[in-house]
Amino acid sequence: MRCPYCGAETHGRICEYCDSELVAFTDNNVFGSAVGETETFENNISFNRSADNQVYIENETIAFYDEEYSDKKKTTALILCIFLGWLGVHHFYTGRWLLGIIYLFTHGFWGLGIVLDIIMIATDKYKDKNKRKLLK
């Protein structure tokens, strides 16, 4: 999908290049409308969400929500893991609260968990609480 603001190829809810929120999505719908329904907003602009999760405005694709990607950034998680991993801050950042609390009390599984998490984040194996990949 291309960002409608800067034109860059991007994934997820936020453009990785200009940090613009692409479209106000919820987990199941766009702007409260169901799949296949059209909703009209200010200035008579109509949005339509298709079954393939693309959002159309006047028959032109303006956004695509790829549920495979999180809205959390990989570089942020990696920096948090390297410097504050023993506190579990990277787990709190990605919504994995239980692991964050465990890391907090065990100092990152006595350092071993931090090393494994750094490797997992660097190799794109680490996922957020919804099992989605982090943005690059």
C-alpha atoms as a PDB file:
ATOM      1  CA  MET A   1       0.000   0.000   0.000  1.00  0.00           C
ATOM      2  CA  ARG A   2       1.129   3.554  -0.648  1.00  0.00           C
ATOM      3  CA  CYS A   3       0.830   6.298   1.931  1.00  0.00           C
ATOM      4  CA  PRO A   4      -1.611   8.945   0.650  1.00  0.00           C
ATOM      5  CA  TYR A   5       0.482  11.699   2.280  1.00  0.00           C
ATOM      6  CA  CYS A   6       4.061  10.973   1.132  1.00  0.00           C
ATOM      7  CA  GLY A   7       3.525   8.250  -1.504  1.00  0.00           C
ATOM      8  CA  ALA A   8       5.947   5.795   0.150  1.00  0.00           C
ATOM      9  CA  GLU A   9       5.282   2.053   0.143  1.00  0.00           C
ATOM     10  CA  THR A  10       4.307   1.153   3.708  1.00  0.00           C
ATOM     11  CA  HIS A  11       2.691  -1.475   5.971  1.00  0.00           C
ATOM     12  CA  GLY A  12       0.423  -1.174   8.987  1.00  0.00           C
ATOM     13  CA  ARG A  13      -1.516   1.718  10.436  1.00  0.00           C
ATOM     14  CA  ILE A  14       1.283   4.298  10.511  1.00  0.00           C
ATOM     15  CA  CYS A  15       3.570   5.271   7.615  1.00  0.00           C
ATOM     16  CA  GLU A  16       7.160   4.332   8.512  1.00  0.00           C
ATOM     17  CA  TYR A  17       8.515   7.311   6.555  1.00  0.00           C
ATOM     18  CA  CYS A  18       6.319  10.322   7.415  1.00  0.00           C
ATOM     19  CA  ASP A  19       4.702   8.880  10.608  1.00  0.00           C
ATOM     20  CA  SER A  20       1.207   9.739   9.345  1.00  0.00           C
ATOM     21  CA  GLU A  21      -1.707   7.664  10.553  1.00  0.00           C
ATOM     22  CA  LEU A  22      -3.073   6.239   7.331  1.00  0.00           C
ATOM     23  CA  VAL A  23      -6.726   5.610   8.172  1.00  0.00           C
ATOM     24  CA  ALA A  24      -8.542   5.379  11.505  1.00  0.00           C
ATOM     25  CA  PHE A  25      -8.948   1.608  11.675  1.00  0.00           C
ATOM     26  CA  THR A  26     -10.345  -0.540  14.393  1.00  0.00           C
ATOM     27  CA  ASP A  27      -9.674  -4.273  14.576  1.00  0.00           C
ATOM     28  CA  ASN A  28     -12.825  -5.233  12.693  1.00  0.00           C
ATOM     29  CA  ASN A  29     -13.845  -2.256  10.629  1.00  0.00           C
ATOM     30  CA  VAL A  30     -13.142   1.167   9.226  1.00  0.00           C
ATOM     31  CA  PHE A  31     -14.979   4.154  10.688  1.00  0.00           C
ATOM     32  CA  GLY A  32     -17.629   1.845  12.146  1.00  0.00           C
ATOM     33  CA  SER A  33     -18.812   0.492   8.818  1.00  0.00           C
ATOM     34  CA  ALA A  34     -18.950  -3.229   8.147  1.00  0.00           C
ATOM     35  CA  VAL A  35     -17.286  -4.940   5.217  1.00  0.00           C
ATOM     36  CA  GLY A  36     -19.032  -3.957   2.008  1.00  0.00           C
ATOM     37  CA  GLU A  37     -20.907  -1.016   3.535  1.00  0.00           C
ATOM     38  CA  THR A  38     -20.207   2.559   2.504  1.00  0.00           C
ATOM     39  CA  GLU A  39     -20.034   5.378   5.013  1.00  0.00           C
ATOM     40  CA  THR A  40     -20.148   9.058   4.017  1.00  0.00           C
ATOM     41  CA  PHE A  41     -18.348  11.810   5.928  1.00  0.00           C
ATOM     42  CA  GLU A  42     -17.688  15.539   5.615  1.00  0.00           C
ATOM     43  CA  ASN A  43     -17.581  17.000   2.120  1.00  0.00           C
ATOM     44  CA  ASN A  44     -19.563  14.000   0.828  1.00  0.00           C
ATOM     45  CA  ILE A  45     -16.497  11.737   0.852  1.00  0.00           C
ATOM     46  CA  SER A  46     -17.492   8.071   0.894  1.00  0.00           C
ATOM     47  CA  PHE A  47     -15.311   5.297   2.284  1.00  0.00           C
ATOM     48  CA  ASN A  48     -15.846   1.647   1.512  1.00  0.00           C
ATOM     49  CA  ARG A  49     -14.011  -1.278   3.101  1.00  0.00           C
ATOM     50  CA  SER A  50     -13.720  -4.416   0.987  1.00  0.00           C
ATOM     51  CA  ALA A  51     -13.391  -7.988   2.223  1.00  0.00           C
ATOM     52  CA  ASP A  52      -9.658  -7.910   1.407  1.00  0.00           C
ATOM     53  CA  ASN A  53      -9.175  -5.091   3.986  1.00  0.00           C
ATOM     54  CA  GLN A  54      -8.576  -2.389   1.377  1.00  0.00           C
ATOM     55  CA  VAL A  55     -10.239   0.964   1.872  1.00  0.00           C
ATOM     56  CA  TYR A  56     -11.575   2.704  -1.209  1.00  0.00           C
ATOM     57  CA  ILE A  57     -12.538   6.302  -1.791  1.00  0.00           C
ATOM     58  CA  GLU A  58     -14.360   6.876  -5.055  1.00  0.00           C
ATOM     59  CA  ASN A  59     -13.100   3.501  -6.376  1.00  0.00           C
ATOM     60  CA  GLU A  60      -9.433   4.308  -5.675  1.00  0.00           C
ATOM     61  CA  THR A  61      -7.502   2.398  -3.014  1.00  0.00           C
ATOM     62  CA  ILE A  62      -6.297   4.793  -0.320  1.00  0.00           C
ATOM     63  CA  ALA A  63      -5.213   2.408   2.412  1.00  0.00           C
ATOM     64  CA  PHE A  64      -4.650  -1.199   3.213  1.00  0.00           C
ATOM     65  CA  TYR A  65      -4.495  -2.562   6.715  1.00  0.00           C
ATOM     66  CA  ASP A  66      -2.187  -5.546   6.766  1.00  0.00           C
ATOM     67  CA  GLU A  67      -3.074  -7.383   9.967  1.00  0.00           C
ATOM     68  CA  GLU A  68       0.269  -9.149   9.812  1.00  0.00           C
ATOM     69  CA  TYR A  69       2.122  -6.017  11.014  1.00  0.00           C
ATOM     70  CA  SER A  70       1.943  -4.260  14.379  1.00  0.00           C
ATOM     71  CA  ASP A  71       1.912  -0.501  14.869  1.00  0.00           C
ATOM     72  CA  LYS A  72       5.033  -0.851  17.080  1.00  0.00           C
ATOM     73  CA  LYS A  73       8.460  -0.244  15.555  1.00  0.00           C
ATOM     74  CA  LYS A  74      11.276  -2.786  15.520  1.00  0.00           C
ATOM     75  CA  THR A  75      14.057  -0.243  16.133  1.00  0.00           C
ATOM     76  CA  THR A  76      12.289   1.162  19.187  1.00  0.00           C
ATOM     77  CA  ALA A  77      11.798  -2.312  20.650  1.00  0.00           C
ATOM     78  CA  LEU A  78      15.443  -3.203  19.962  1.00  0.00           C
ATOM     79  CA  ILE A  79      16.774  -0.039  21.625  1.00  0.00           C
ATOM     80  CA  LEU A  80      14.511  -0.575  24.634  1.00  0.00           C
ATOM     81  CA  CYS A  81      15.625  -4.204  24.874  1.00  0.00           C
ATOM     82  CA  ILE A  82      19.326  -3.363  24.707  1.00  0.00           C
ATOM     83  CA  PHE A  83      19.259  -0.568  27.284  1.00  0.00           C
ATOM     84  CA  LEU A  84      16.264  -1.417  29.505  1.00  0.00           C
ATOM     85  CA  GLY A  85      15.723  -5.098  28.727  1.00  0.00           C
ATOM     86  CA  TRP A  86      16.473  -6.134  32.293  1.00  0.00           C
ATOM     87  CA  LEU A  87      13.375  -4.144  33.313  1.00  0.00           C
ATOM     88  CA  GLY A  88      11.226  -5.699  30.555  1.00  0.00           C
ATOM     89  CA  VAL A  89      10.440  -2.294  29.027  1.00  0.00           C
ATOM     90  CA  HIS A  90      10.426  -3.720  25.469  1.00  0.00           C
ATOM     91  CA  HIS A  91       7.690  -6.172  26.502  1.00  0.00           C
ATOM     92  CA  PHE A  92       5.621  -3.374  28.028  1.00  0.00           C
ATOM     93  CA  TYR A  93       6.104  -1.373  24.794  1.00  0.00           C
ATOM     94  CA  THR A  94       4.731  -4.212  22.655  1.00  0.00           C
ATOM     95  CA  GLY A  95       1.829  -4.904  25.015  1.00  0.00           C
ATOM     96  CA  ARG A  96       3.203  -8.119  26.518  1.00  0.00           C
ATOM     97  CA  TRP A  97       2.564  -7.087  30.120  1.00  0.00           C
ATOM     98  CA  LEU A  98       2.976 -10.479  31.785  1.00  0.00           C
ATOM     99  CA  LEU A  99       6.433 -11.027  30.286  1.00  0.00           C
ATOM    100  CA  GLY A 100       7.316  -7.452  31.203  1.00  0.00           C
ATOM    101  CA  ILE A 101       6.468  -8.093  34.846  1.00  0.00           C
ATOM    102  CA  ILE A 102       8.399 -11.384  34.831  1.00  0.00           C
ATOM    103  CA  TYR A 103      11.448  -9.635  33.330  1.00  0.00           C
ATOM    104  CA  LEU A 104      11.124  -6.871  35.898  1.00  0.00           C
ATOM    105  CA  PHE A 105      11.361  -9.297  38.824  1.00  0.00           C
ATOM    106  CA  THR A 106      13.950 -11.672  37.294  1.00  0.00           C
ATOM    107  CA  HIS A 107      16.113  -8.991  35.628  1.00  0.00           C
ATOM    108  CA  GLY A 108      15.384 -10.315  32.158  1.00  0.00           C
ATOM    109  CA  PHE A 109      15.521 -13.981  33.119  1.00  0.00           C
ATOM    110  CA  TRP A 110      18.946 -13.267  34.590  1.00  0.00           C
ATOM    111  CA  GLY A 111      20.194 -11.802  31.299  1.00  0.00           C
ATOM    112  CA  LEU A 112      19.465 -14.855  29.139  1.00  0.00           C
ATOM    113  CA  GLY A 113      16.045 -13.591  28.104  1.00  0.00           C
ATOM    114  CA  ILE A 114      17.488 -10.276  27.025  1.00  0.00           C
ATOM    115  CA  VAL A 115      20.039 -11.933  24.732  1.00  0.00           C
ATOM    116  CA  LEU A 116      17.328 -14.117  23.174  1.00  0.00           C
ATOM    117  CA  ASP A 117      14.992 -11.132  22.737  1.00  0.00           C
ATOM    118  CA  ILE A 118      17.717  -9.055  21.050  1.00  0.00           C
ATOM    119  CA  ILE A 119      18.289 -11.904  18.583  1.00  0.00           C
ATOM    120  CA  MET A 120      14.550 -12.374  18.007  1.00  0.00           C
ATOM    121  CA  ILE A 121      13.920  -8.651  17.445  1.00  0.00           C
ATOM    122  CA  ALA A 122      16.937  -8.294  15.131  1.00  0.00           C
ATOM    123  CA  THR A 123      15.855 -11.299  13.019  1.00  0.00           C
ATOM    124  CA  ASP A 124      12.159 -10.265  12.829  1.00  0.00           C
ATOM    125  CA  LYS A 125      10.971 -13.206  14.935  1.00  0.00           C
ATOM    126  CA  TYR A 126       9.657 -11.093  17.847  1.00  0.00           C
ATOM    127  CA  LYS A 127       5.916 -10.338  17.786  1.00  0.00           C
ATOM    128  CA  ASP A 128       3.596  -8.053  19.729  1.00  0.00           C
ATOM    129  CA  LYS A 129       0.759  -9.147  22.016  1.00  0.00           C
ATOM    130  CA  ASN A 130      -1.484  -9.815  19.000  1.00  0.00           C
ATOM    131  CA  LYS A 131       1.143 -12.065  17.344  1.00  0.00           C
ATOM    132  CA  ARG A 132       1.915  -9.452  14.672  1.00  0.00           C
ATOM    133  CA  LYS A 133       5.378  -8.605  13.318  1.00  0.00           C
ATOM    134  CA  LEU A 134       6.953  -5.304  14.316  1.00  0.00           C
ATOM    135  CA  LEU A 135       7.332  -2.517  11.739  1.00  0.00           C
ATOM    136  CA  LYS A 136      10.807  -2.011  10.322  1.00  0.00           C
END
